[in-house]
PDB file of all heavy atoms in Angstrom:
ATOM      1  N   ARG A   1      30.878  91.039 153.345  1.00  0.00           N
ATOM      2  CA  ARG A   1      30.125  91.507 154.510  1.00  0.00           C
ATOM      3  C   ARG A   1      28.858  90.769 154.824  1.00  0.00           C
ATOM      4  O   ARG A   1      28.528  90.631 155.964  1.00  0.00           O
ATOM      5  CB  ARG A   1      29.695  92.978 154.200  1.00  0.00           C
ATOM      6  CG  ARG A   1      30.831  94.019 154.160  1.00  0.00           C
ATOM      7  CD  ARG A   1      30.343  95.386 153.884  1.00  0.00           C
ATOM      8  NE  ARG A   1      31.458  96.366 153.794  1.00  0.00           N
ATOM      9  CZ  ARG A   1      31.353  97.688 153.703  1.00  0.00           C
ATOM     10  NH1 ARG A   1      30.026  98.121 153.365  1.00  0.00           N
ATOM     11  NH2 ARG A   1      32.351  98.512 153.661  1.00  0.00           N
ATOM     12  N   LYS A   2      28.331  90.214 153.840  1.00  0.00           N
ATOM     13  CA  LYS A   2      27.130  89.394 153.983  1.00  0.00           C
ATOM     14  C   LYS A   2      27.487  87.922 154.392  1.00  0.00           C
ATOM     15  O   LYS A   2      26.546  87.113 154.732  1.00  0.00           O
ATOM     16  CB  LYS A   2      26.205  89.351 152.698  1.00  0.00           C
ATOM     17  CG  LYS A   2      25.659  90.664 152.381  1.00  0.00           C
ATOM     18  CD  LYS A   2      24.798  90.582 151.109  1.00  0.00           C
ATOM     19  CE  LYS A   2      24.162  91.918 150.900  1.00  0.00           C
ATOM     20  NZ  LYS A   2      23.287  91.868 149.691  1.00  0.00           N
ATOM     21  N   GLN A   3      28.804  87.578 154.495  1.00  0.00           N
ATOM     22  CA  GLN A   3      29.307  86.281 154.905  1.00  0.00           C
ATOM     23  C   GLN A   3      28.558  85.075 154.099  1.00  0.00           C
ATOM     24  O   GLN A   3      28.136  84.121 154.676  1.00  0.00           O
ATOM     25  CB  GLN A   3      29.019  86.144 156.413  1.00  0.00           C
ATOM     26  CG  GLN A   3      29.889  87.065 157.282  1.00  0.00           C
ATOM     27  CD  GLN A   3      31.296  86.578 157.283  1.00  0.00           C
ATOM     28  OE1 GLN A   3      31.717  85.695 157.903  1.00  0.00           O
ATOM     29  NE2 GLN A   3      32.175  87.277 156.469  1.00  0.00           N
ATOM     30  N   ALA A   4      28.524  85.362 152.761  1.00  0.00           N
ATOM     31  CA  ALA A   4      27.916  84.252 151.925  1.00  0.00           C
ATOM     32  C   ALA A   4      28.842  83.093 151.837  1.00  0.00           C
ATOM     33  O   ALA A   4      30.059  83.323 151.632  1.00  0.00           O
ATOM     34  CB  ALA A   4      27.638  84.932 150.534  1.00  0.00           C
ATOM     35  N   ILE A   5      28.235  81.914 151.883  1.00  0.00           N
ATOM     36  CA  ILE A   5      29.064  80.701 151.781  1.00  0.00           C
ATOM     37  C   ILE A   5      29.493  80.532 150.239  1.00  0.00           C
ATOM     38  O   ILE A   5      28.686  80.620 149.327  1.00  0.00           O
ATOM     39  CB  ILE A   5      28.195  79.457 152.190  1.00  0.00           C
ATOM     40  CG1 ILE A   5      27.725  79.534 153.622  1.00  0.00           C
ATOM     41  CG2 ILE A   5      29.030  78.172 151.979  1.00  0.00           C
ATOM     42  CD1 ILE A   5      28.843  79.538 154.636  1.00  0.00           C
ATOM     43  N   THR A   6      30.830  80.490 150.057  1.00  0.00           N
ATOM     44  CA  THR A   6      31.426  80.599 148.776  1.00  0.00           C
ATOM     45  C   THR A   6      32.329  79.327 148.563  1.00  0.00           C
ATOM     46  O   THR A   6      33.172  79.054 149.412  1.00  0.00           O
ATOM     47  CB  THR A   6      32.153  81.935 148.578  1.00  0.00           C
ATOM     48  OG1 THR A   6      31.271  82.998 148.890  1.00  0.00           O
ATOM     49  CG2 THR A   6      32.617  81.999 147.095  1.00  0.00           C
ATOM     50  N   SER A   7      32.184  78.745 147.454  1.00  0.00           N
ATOM     51  CA  SER A   7      33.118  77.673 147.052  1.00  0.00           C
ATOM     52  C   SER A   7      34.331  78.261 146.407  1.00  0.00           C
ATOM     53  O   SER A   7      34.346  79.327 145.832  1.00  0.00           O
ATOM     54  CB  SER A   7      32.471  76.769 146.024  1.00  0.00           C
ATOM     55  OG  SER A   7      31.215  76.175 146.502  1.00  0.00           O
ATOM     56  N   SER A   8      35.451  77.472 146.495  1.00  0.00           N
ATOM     57  CA  SER A   8      36.664  77.892 145.853  1.00  0.00           C
ATOM     58  C   SER A   8      36.547  77.870 144.392  1.00  0.00           C
ATOM     59  O   SER A   8      35.648  77.263 143.797  1.00  0.00           O
ATOM     60  CB  SER A   8      37.821  76.958 146.231  1.00  0.00           C
ATOM     61  OG  SER A   8      37.712  75.712 145.520  1.00  0.00           O
ATOM     62  N   ALA A   9      37.455  78.626 143.732  1.00  0.00           N
ATOM     63  CA  ALA A   9      37.354  78.689 142.181  1.00  0.00           C
ATOM     64  C   ALA A   9      37.609  77.274 141.599  1.00  0.00           C
ATOM     65  O   ALA A   9      37.031  76.945 140.622  1.00  0.00           O
ATOM     66  CB  ALA A   9      38.533  79.623 141.646  1.00  0.00           C
ATOM     67  N   VAL A  10      38.448  76.463 142.250  1.00  0.00           N
ATOM     68  CA  VAL A  10      38.708  75.184 141.749  1.00  0.00           C
ATOM     69  C   VAL A  10      37.454  74.234 141.970  1.00  0.00           C
ATOM     70  O   VAL A  10      37.182  73.475 140.921  1.00  0.00           O
ATOM     71  CB  VAL A  10      39.916  74.557 142.422  1.00  0.00           C
ATOM     72  CG1 VAL A  10      40.029  73.022 142.237  1.00  0.00           C
ATOM     73  CG2 VAL A  10      41.223  75.238 141.915  1.00  0.00           C
ATOM     74  N   LYS A  11      36.742  74.400 142.978  1.00  0.00           N
ATOM     75  CA  LYS A  11      35.525  73.632 143.114  1.00  0.00           C
ATOM     76  C   LYS A  11      34.489  73.939 142.128  1.00  0.00           C
ATOM     77  O   LYS A  11      33.919  73.097 141.520  1.00  0.00           O
ATOM     78  CB  LYS A  11      35.008  73.729 144.562  1.00  0.00           C
ATOM     79  CG  LYS A  11      33.705  73.006 144.740  1.00  0.00           C
ATOM     80  CD  LYS A  11      33.043  73.163 146.088  1.00  0.00           C
ATOM     81  CE  LYS A  11      31.776  72.400 146.320  1.00  0.00           C
ATOM     82  NZ  LYS A  11      31.111  72.676 147.612  1.00  0.00           N
ATOM     83  N   GLN A  12      34.386  75.159 141.848  1.00  0.00           N
ATOM     84  CA  GLN A  12      33.378  75.670 140.819  1.00  0.00           C
ATOM     85  C   GLN A  12      33.783  75.037 139.486  1.00  0.00           C
ATOM     86  O   GLN A  12      32.914  74.661 138.718  1.00  0.00           O
ATOM     87  CB  GLN A  12      33.351  77.231 140.884  1.00  0.00           C
ATOM     88  CG  GLN A  12      32.714  77.761 142.113  1.00  0.00           C
ATOM     89  CD  GLN A  12      32.766  79.305 142.112  1.00  0.00           C
ATOM     90  OE1 GLN A  12      32.471  79.974 141.099  1.00  0.00           O
ATOM     91  NE2 GLN A  12      33.240  79.832 143.207  1.00  0.00           N
ATOM     92  N   MET A  13      35.082  75.085 139.122  1.00  0.00           N
ATOM     93  CA  MET A  13      35.414  74.492 137.770  1.00  0.00           C
ATOM     94  C   MET A  13      35.242  72.963 137.764  1.00  0.00           C
ATOM     95  O   MET A  13      34.769  72.438 136.908  1.00  0.00           O
ATOM     96  CB  MET A  13      36.912  74.874 137.559  1.00  0.00           C
ATOM     97  CG  MET A  13      37.428  74.124 136.303  1.00  0.00           C
ATOM     98  SD  MET A  13      39.148  74.624 135.891  1.00  0.00           S
ATOM     99  CE  MET A  13      38.783  75.996 134.865  1.00  0.00           C
ATOM    100  N   ALA A  14      35.573  72.324 138.919  1.00  0.00           N
ATOM    101  CA  ALA A  14      35.447  70.898 138.975  1.00  0.00           C
ATOM    102  C   ALA A  14      34.002  70.498 138.825  1.00  0.00           C
ATOM    103  O   ALA A  14      33.608  69.578 138.071  1.00  0.00           O
ATOM    104  CB  ALA A  14      35.969  70.332 140.228  1.00  0.00           C
ATOM    105  N   GLU A  15      33.120  71.214 139.444  1.00  0.00           N
ATOM    106  CA  GLU A  15      31.684  70.831 139.372  1.00  0.00           C
ATOM    107  C   GLU A  15      31.111  71.125 137.931  1.00  0.00           C
ATOM    108  O   GLU A  15      30.329  70.365 137.486  1.00  0.00           O
ATOM    109  CB  GLU A  15      30.890  71.638 140.407  1.00  0.00           C
ATOM    110  CG  GLU A  15      31.202  71.097 141.823  1.00  0.00           C
ATOM    111  CD  GLU A  15      30.349  71.782 142.840  1.00  0.00           C
ATOM    112  OE1 GLU A  15      29.895  72.952 142.640  1.00  0.00           O
ATOM    113  OE2 GLU A  15      30.099  71.210 143.922  1.00  0.00           O
ATOM    114  N   ALA A  16      31.681  72.171 137.326  1.00  0.00           N
ATOM    115  CA  ALA A  16      31.210  72.455 135.962  1.00  0.00           C
ATOM    116  C   ALA A  16      31.641  71.354 134.968  1.00  0.00           C
ATOM    117  O   ALA A  16      30.953  71.125 133.968  1.00  0.00           O
ATOM    118  CB  ALA A  16      31.835  73.800 135.469  1.00  0.00           C
ATOM    119  N   HIS A  17      32.721  70.599 135.370  1.00  0.00           N
ATOM    120  CA  HIS A  17      33.204  69.500 134.531  1.00  0.00           C
ATOM    121  C   HIS A  17      32.712  68.130 135.016  1.00  0.00           C
ATOM    122  O   HIS A  17      33.190  67.053 134.585  1.00  0.00           O
ATOM    123  CB  HIS A  17      34.699  69.567 134.330  1.00  0.00           C
ATOM    124  CG  HIS A  17      35.193  70.674 133.503  1.00  0.00           C
ATOM    125  ND1 HIS A  17      35.255  70.548 132.166  1.00  0.00           N
ATOM    126  CD2 HIS A  17      35.645  71.869 133.772  1.00  0.00           C
ATOM    127  CE1 HIS A  17      35.732  71.689 131.597  1.00  0.00           C
ATOM    128  NE2 HIS A  17      35.909  72.534 132.574  1.00  0.00           N
ATOM    129  N   HIS A  18      31.868  68.220 136.181  1.00  0.00           N
ATOM    130  CA  HIS A  18      31.249  67.014 136.723  1.00  0.00           C
ATOM    131  C   HIS A  18      32.355  66.064 137.233  1.00  0.00           C
ATOM    132  O   HIS A  18      32.269  64.797 137.117  1.00  0.00           O
ATOM    133  CB  HIS A  18      30.329  66.242 135.630  1.00  0.00           C
ATOM    134  CG  HIS A  18      29.373  67.070 134.992  1.00  0.00           C
ATOM    135  ND1 HIS A  18      28.296  67.632 135.664  1.00  0.00           N
ATOM    136  CD2 HIS A  18      29.238  67.581 133.733  1.00  0.00           C
ATOM    137  CE1 HIS A  18      27.536  68.303 134.851  1.00  0.00           C
ATOM    138  NE2 HIS A  18      28.137  68.402 133.636  1.00  0.00           N
ATOM    139  N   LEU A  19      33.312  66.623 137.984  1.00  0.00           N
ATOM    140  CA  LEU A  19      34.375  65.881 138.519  1.00  0.00           C
ATOM    141  C   LEU A  19      34.066  65.662 140.045  1.00  0.00           C
ATOM    142  O   LEU A  19      33.363  66.472 140.648  1.00  0.00           O
ATOM    143  CB  LEU A  19      35.724  66.636 138.449  1.00  0.00           C
ATOM    144  CG  LEU A  19      36.224  66.890 136.950  1.00  0.00           C
ATOM    145  CD1 LEU A  19      37.450  67.771 137.043  1.00  0.00           C
ATOM    146  CD2 LEU A  19      36.542  65.648 136.220  1.00  0.00           C
ATOM    147  N   ASN A  20      34.563  64.539 140.566  1.00  0.00           N
ATOM    148  CA  ASN A  20      34.467  64.253 141.987  1.00  0.00           C
ATOM    149  C   ASN A  20      35.241  65.327 142.768  1.00  0.00           C
ATOM    150  O   ASN A  20      36.393  65.697 142.334  1.00  0.00           O
ATOM    151  CB  ASN A  20      35.113  62.914 142.278  1.00  0.00           C
ATOM    152  CG  ASN A  20      34.256  61.709 141.568  1.00  0.00           C
ATOM    153  OD1 ASN A  20      33.090  61.754 141.581  1.00  0.00           O
ATOM    154  ND2 ASN A  20      35.082  60.821 141.108  1.00  0.00           N
ATOM    155  N   VAL A  21      34.662  65.790 143.841  1.00  0.00           N
ATOM    156  CA  VAL A  21      35.300  66.873 144.612  1.00  0.00           C
ATOM    157  C   VAL A  21      35.333  66.457 146.071  1.00  0.00           C
ATOM    158  O   VAL A  21      34.369  65.886 146.592  1.00  0.00           O
ATOM    159  CB  VAL A  21      34.492  68.226 144.504  1.00  0.00           C
ATOM    160  CG1 VAL A  21      35.075  69.261 145.494  1.00  0.00           C
ATOM    161  CG2 VAL A  21      34.509  68.774 143.119  1.00  0.00           C
ATOM    162  N   PHE A  22      36.419  66.598 146.714  1.00  0.00           N
ATOM    163  CA  PHE A  22      36.671  66.252 148.119  1.00  0.00           C
ATOM    164  C   PHE A  22      37.255  67.436 148.808  1.00  0.00           C
ATOM    165  O   PHE A  22      38.216  68.157 148.393  1.00  0.00           O
ATOM    166  CB  PHE A  22      37.705  65.136 148.161  1.00  0.00           C
ATOM    167  CG  PHE A  22      38.024  64.664 149.526  1.00  0.00           C
ATOM    168  CD1 PHE A  22      37.006  64.520 150.577  1.00  0.00           C
ATOM    169  CD2 PHE A  22      39.377  64.374 149.998  1.00  0.00           C
ATOM    170  CE1 PHE A  22      37.326  64.110 151.860  1.00  0.00           C
ATOM    171  CE2 PHE A  22      39.675  63.995 151.239  1.00  0.00           C
ATOM    172  CZ  PHE A  22      38.662  63.822 152.200  1.00  0.00           C
ATOM    173  N   GLN A  23      36.645  67.870 150.005  1.00  0.00           N
ATOM    174  CA  GLN A  23      37.038  69.095 150.693  1.00  0.00           C
ATOM    175  C   GLN A  23      37.258  68.882 152.175  1.00  0.00           C
ATOM    176  O   GLN A  23      36.412  69.217 152.995  1.00  0.00           O
ATOM    177  CB  GLN A  23      35.917  70.200 150.596  1.00  0.00           C
ATOM    178  CG  GLN A  23      35.636  70.668 149.110  1.00  0.00           C
ATOM    179  CD  GLN A  23      34.493  71.618 149.084  1.00  0.00           C
ATOM    180  OE1 GLN A  23      33.301  71.088 148.988  1.00  0.00           O
ATOM    181  NE2 GLN A  23      34.679  72.861 149.211  1.00  0.00           N
ATOM    182  N   PRO A  24      38.347  68.140 152.493  1.00  0.00           N
ATOM    183  CA  PRO A  24      38.573  67.881 153.938  1.00  0.00           C
ATOM    184  C   PRO A  24      38.944  69.096 154.720  1.00  0.00           C
ATOM    185  O   PRO A  24      39.665  69.963 154.205  1.00  0.00           O
ATOM    186  CB  PRO A  24      39.820  66.914 153.823  1.00  0.00           C
ATOM    187  CG  PRO A  24      40.581  67.342 152.530  1.00  0.00           C
ATOM    188  CD  PRO A  24      39.460  67.689 151.602  1.00  0.00           C
ATOM    189  N   ILE A  25      38.471  69.200 155.895  1.00  0.00           N
ATOM    190  CA  ILE A  25      38.751  70.334 156.766  1.00  0.00           C
ATOM    191  C   ILE A  25      40.193  70.232 157.166  1.00  0.00           C
ATOM    192  O   ILE A  25      40.975  71.217 157.211  1.00  0.00           O
ATOM    193  CB  ILE A  25      37.865  70.266 158.048  1.00  0.00           C
ATOM    194  CG1 ILE A  25      36.370  70.580 157.639  1.00  0.00           C
ATOM    195  CG2 ILE A  25      38.262  71.345 159.069  1.00  0.00           C
ATOM    196  CD1 ILE A  25      35.381  70.388 158.777  1.00  0.00           C
ATOM    197  N   SER A  26      40.648  68.969 157.563  1.00  0.00           N
ATOM    198  CA  SER A  26      42.067  68.775 157.816  1.00  0.00           C
ATOM    199  C   SER A  26      42.521  67.493 157.135  1.00  0.00           C
ATOM    200  O   SER A  26      42.125  66.356 157.467  1.00  0.00           O
ATOM    201  CB  SER A  26      42.258  68.541 159.341  1.00  0.00           C
ATOM    202  OG  SER A  26      43.598  68.068 159.635  1.00  0.00           O
ATOM    203  N   ILE A  27      43.306  67.696 156.073  1.00  0.00           N
ATOM    204  CA  ILE A  27      43.651  66.561 155.273  1.00  0.00           C
ATOM    205  C   ILE A  27      44.664  65.600 155.912  1.00  0.00           C
ATOM    206  O   ILE A  27      44.750  64.487 155.628  1.00  0.00           O
ATOM    207  CB  ILE A  27      44.365  67.081 153.924  1.00  0.00           C
ATOM    208  CG1 ILE A  27      44.419  65.996 152.884  1.00  0.00           C
ATOM    209  CG2 ILE A  27      45.714  67.659 154.124  1.00  0.00           C
ATOM    210  CD1 ILE A  27      44.844  66.453 151.534  1.00  0.00           C
ATOM    211  N   LYS A  28      45.285  66.149 156.960  1.00  0.00           N
ATOM    212  CA  LYS A  28      46.174  65.226 157.856  1.00  0.00           C
ATOM    213  C   LYS A  28      45.361  64.234 158.484  1.00  0.00           C
ATOM    214  O   LYS A  28      45.884  63.061 158.691  1.00  0.00           O
ATOM    215  CB  LYS A  28      46.870  66.115 158.876  1.00  0.00           C
ATOM    216  CG  LYS A  28      47.975  66.951 158.314  1.00  0.00           C
ATOM    217  CD  LYS A  28      48.701  67.747 159.466  1.00  0.00           C
ATOM    218  CE  LYS A  28      49.864  68.595 158.856  1.00  0.00           C
ATOM    219  NZ  LYS A  28      50.553  69.303 160.028  1.00  0.00           N
ATOM    220  N   GLU A  29      44.159  64.435 158.805  1.00  0.00           N
ATOM    221  CA  GLU A  29      43.312  63.550 159.574  1.00  0.00           C
ATOM    222  C   GLU A  29      42.204  62.830 158.635  1.00  0.00           C
ATOM    223  O   GLU A  29      41.682  61.885 158.942  1.00  0.00           O
ATOM    224  CB  GLU A  29      42.557  64.242 160.641  1.00  0.00           C
ATOM    225  CG  GLU A  29      43.437  64.884 161.677  1.00  0.00           C
ATOM    226  CD  GLU A  29      42.721  65.863 162.685  1.00  0.00           C
ATOM    227  OE1 GLU A  29      41.489  65.917 162.581  1.00  0.00           O
ATOM    228  OE2 GLU A  29      43.428  66.408 163.549  1.00  0.00           O
ATOM    229  N   ASP A  30      42.032  63.370 157.417  1.00  0.00           N
ATOM    230  CA  ASP A  30      40.976  62.893 156.567  1.00  0.00           C
ATOM    231  C   ASP A  30      41.480  62.840 155.113  1.00  0.00           C
ATOM    232  O   ASP A  30      41.315  63.817 154.321  1.00  0.00           O
ATOM    233  CB  ASP A  30      39.792  63.855 156.763  1.00  0.00           C
ATOM    234  CG  ASP A  30      38.565  63.348 155.899  1.00  0.00           C
ATOM    235  OD1 ASP A  30      38.515  62.182 155.448  1.00  0.00           O
ATOM    236  OD2 ASP A  30      37.576  64.137 155.771  1.00  0.00           O
ATOM    237  N   TYR A  31      42.048  61.717 154.731  1.00  0.00           N
ATOM    238  CA  TYR A  31      42.515  61.577 153.380  1.00  0.00           C
ATOM    239  C   TYR A  31      42.248  60.316 152.718  1.00  0.00           C
ATOM    240  O   TYR A  31      42.651  60.076 151.562  1.00  0.00           O
ATOM    241  CB  TYR A  31      44.089  61.850 153.310  1.00  0.00           C
ATOM    242  CG  TYR A  31      44.831  60.859 154.175  1.00  0.00           C
ATOM    243  CD1 TYR A  31      45.154  59.610 153.758  1.00  0.00           C
ATOM    244  CD2 TYR A  31      45.321  61.263 155.485  1.00  0.00           C
ATOM    245  CE1 TYR A  31      45.922  58.785 154.455  1.00  0.00           C
ATOM    246  CE2 TYR A  31      46.108  60.383 156.269  1.00  0.00           C
ATOM    247  CZ  TYR A  31      46.342  59.189 155.771  1.00  0.00           C
ATOM    248  OH  TYR A  31      47.140  58.272 156.531  1.00  0.00           O
ATOM    249  N   GLN A  32      41.400  59.439 153.262  1.00  0.00           N
ATOM    250  CA  GLN A  32      41.190  58.166 152.777  1.00  0.00           C
ATOM    251  C   GLN A  32      40.560  58.216 151.398  1.00  0.00           C
ATOM    252  O   GLN A  32      40.800  57.430 150.482  1.00  0.00           O
ATOM    253  CB  GLN A  32      40.292  57.251 153.730  1.00  0.00           C
ATOM    254  CG  GLN A  32      40.201  55.840 153.188  1.00  0.00           C
ATOM    255  CD  GLN A  32      41.462  55.072 153.008  1.00  0.00           C
ATOM    256  OE1 GLN A  32      42.349  55.103 153.978  1.00  0.00           O
ATOM    257  NE2 GLN A  32      41.555  54.274 151.890  1.00  0.00           N
ATOM    258  N   THR A  33      39.685  59.206 151.156  1.00  0.00           N
ATOM    259  CA  THR A  33      38.930  59.333 149.884  1.00  0.00           C
ATOM    260  C   THR A  33      39.998  59.398 148.737  1.00  0.00           C
ATOM    261  O   THR A  33      39.843  58.908 147.712  1.00  0.00           O
ATOM    262  CB  THR A  33      38.092  60.592 149.898  1.00  0.00           C
ATOM    263  OG1 THR A  33      37.034  60.488 150.932  1.00  0.00           O
ATOM    264  CG2 THR A  33      37.381  60.852 148.593  1.00  0.00           C
ATOM    265  N   ILE A  34      41.134  60.129 149.036  1.00  0.00           N
ATOM    266  CA  ILE A  34      42.068  60.347 147.901  1.00  0.00           C
ATOM    267  C   ILE A  34      42.684  58.993 147.600  1.00  0.00           C
ATOM    268  O   ILE A  34      42.852  58.610 146.386  1.00  0.00           O
ATOM    269  CB  ILE A  34      43.139  61.316 148.386  1.00  0.00           C
ATOM    270  CG1 ILE A  34      42.538  62.675 148.759  1.00  0.00           C
ATOM    271  CG2 ILE A  34      44.261  61.495 147.346  1.00  0.00           C
ATOM    272  CD1 ILE A  34      43.476  63.618 149.375  1.00  0.00           C
ATOM    273  N   LEU A  35      43.038  58.148 148.587  1.00  0.00           N
ATOM    274  CA  LEU A  35      43.599  56.812 148.312  1.00  0.00           C
ATOM    275  C   LEU A  35      42.614  55.954 147.648  1.00  0.00           C
ATOM    276  O   LEU A  35      42.909  55.138 146.739  1.00  0.00           O
ATOM    277  CB  LEU A  35      44.076  56.178 149.639  1.00  0.00           C
ATOM    278  CG  LEU A  35      45.062  57.019 150.490  1.00  0.00           C
ATOM    279  CD1 LEU A  35      45.583  56.229 151.588  1.00  0.00           C
ATOM    280  CD2 LEU A  35      46.292  57.416 149.518  1.00  0.00           C
ATOM    281  N   ASP A  36      41.268  56.204 147.938  1.00  0.00           N
ATOM    282  CA  ASP A  36      40.283  55.341 147.308  1.00  0.00           C
ATOM    283  C   ASP A  36      40.241  55.649 145.880  1.00  0.00           C
ATOM    284  O   ASP A  36      39.708  54.785 145.032  1.00  0.00           O
ATOM    285  CB  ASP A  36      38.855  55.564 147.993  1.00  0.00           C
ATOM    286  CG  ASP A  36      38.770  55.033 149.388  1.00  0.00           C
ATOM    287  OD1 ASP A  36      39.696  54.153 149.829  1.00  0.00           O
ATOM    288  OD2 ASP A  36      37.903  55.414 150.173  1.00  0.00           O
ATOM    289  N   TRP A  37      40.531  56.850 145.425  1.00  0.00           N
ATOM    290  CA  TRP A  37      40.559  57.107 143.999  1.00  0.00           C
ATOM    291  C   TRP A  37      41.721  56.439 143.264  1.00  0.00           C
ATOM    292  O   TRP A  37      41.761  56.553 142.032  1.00  0.00           O
ATOM    293  CB  TRP A  37      40.621  58.653 143.819  1.00  0.00           C
ATOM    294  CG  TRP A  37      39.419  59.451 144.147  1.00  0.00           C
ATOM    295  CD1 TRP A  37      38.087  58.940 144.080  1.00  0.00           C
ATOM    296  CD2 TRP A  37      39.283  60.835 144.504  1.00  0.00           C
ATOM    297  NE1 TRP A  37      37.179  59.876 144.411  1.00  0.00           N
ATOM    298  CE2 TRP A  37      37.924  61.133 144.699  1.00  0.00           C
ATOM    299  CE3 TRP A  37      40.160  61.843 144.678  1.00  0.00           C
ATOM    300  CZ2 TRP A  37      37.416  62.345 145.027  1.00  0.00           C
ATOM    301  CZ3 TRP A  37      39.658  63.137 144.928  1.00  0.00           C
ATOM    302  CH2 TRP A  37      38.363  63.391 145.156  1.00  0.00           C
ATOM    303  N   GLN A  38      42.643  55.908 144.043  1.00  0.00           N
ATOM    304  CA  GLN A  38      43.834  55.223 143.498  1.00  0.00           C
ATOM    305  C   GLN A  38      44.534  56.017 142.482  1.00  0.00           C
ATOM    306  O   GLN A  38      44.703  55.630 141.243  1.00  0.00           O
ATOM    307  CB  GLN A  38      43.279  53.873 142.817  1.00  0.00           C
ATOM    308  CG  GLN A  38      42.628  52.900 143.812  1.00  0.00           C
ATOM    309  CD  GLN A  38      42.284  51.580 143.244  1.00  0.00           C
ATOM    310  OE1 GLN A  38      41.710  51.528 141.989  1.00  0.00           O
ATOM    311  NE2 GLN A  38      42.530  50.460 143.853  1.00  0.00           N
ATOM    312  N   PRO A  39      45.102  57.206 142.920  1.00  0.00           N
ATOM    313  CA  PRO A  39      45.845  57.999 141.933  1.00  0.00           C
ATOM    314  C   PRO A  39      47.148  57.450 141.463  1.00  0.00           C
ATOM    315  O   PRO A  39      47.922  56.847 142.332  1.00  0.00           O
ATOM    316  CB  PRO A  39      46.092  59.315 142.762  1.00  0.00           C
ATOM    317  CG  PRO A  39      46.108  58.842 144.241  1.00  0.00           C
ATOM    318  CD  PRO A  39      44.987  57.700 144.271  1.00  0.00           C
ATOM    319  N   ASP A  40      47.332  57.567 140.264  1.00  0.00           N
ATOM    320  CA  ASP A  40      48.682  57.259 139.625  1.00  0.00           C
ATOM    321  C   ASP A  40      49.647  58.477 139.624  1.00  0.00           C
ATOM    322  O   ASP A  40      50.859  58.341 139.575  1.00  0.00           O
ATOM    323  CB  ASP A  40      48.569  56.697 138.280  1.00  0.00           C
ATOM    324  CG  ASP A  40      47.723  55.409 138.205  1.00  0.00           C
ATOM    325  OD1 ASP A  40      48.091  54.454 138.937  1.00  0.00           O
ATOM    326  OD2 ASP A  40      46.693  55.397 137.429  1.00  0.00           O
ATOM    327  N   LEU A  41      49.051  59.625 139.681  1.00  0.00           N
ATOM    328  CA  LEU A  41      49.814  60.873 139.725  1.00  0.00           C
ATOM    329  C   LEU A  41      48.981  61.943 140.498  1.00  0.00           C
ATOM    330  O   LEU A  41      47.793  62.015 140.261  1.00  0.00           O
ATOM    331  CB  LEU A  41      50.064  61.409 138.325  1.00  0.00           C
ATOM    332  CG  LEU A  41      50.695  62.846 138.136  1.00  0.00           C
ATOM    333  CD1 LEU A  41      52.107  62.867 138.758  1.00  0.00           C
ATOM    334  CD2 LEU A  41      50.707  63.173 136.699  1.00  0.00           C
ATOM    335  N   ILE A  42      49.565  62.719 141.349  1.00  0.00           N
ATOM    336  CA  ILE A  42      48.934  63.893 142.068  1.00  0.00           C
ATOM    337  C   ILE A  42      49.656  65.105 141.539  1.00  0.00           C
ATOM    338  O   ILE A  42      50.814  65.208 141.609  1.00  0.00           O
ATOM    339  CB  ILE A  42      48.998  63.690 143.562  1.00  0.00           C
ATOM    340  CG1 ILE A  42      48.169  62.504 144.082  1.00  0.00           C
ATOM    341  CG2 ILE A  42      48.553  64.888 144.214  1.00  0.00           C
ATOM    342  CD1 ILE A  42      48.265  62.244 145.535  1.00  0.00           C
TER     343      ILE A  42
END
């Protein structure tokens, strides 16, 4: 009801472990950050 800005459960856990977090509004248009991380497995 108070419309408080709230992070996802995963973001909260990731930040607690000091992990890099990326939150694209539309991943179809904004995904370069993921490629820059050079993932071997997703």
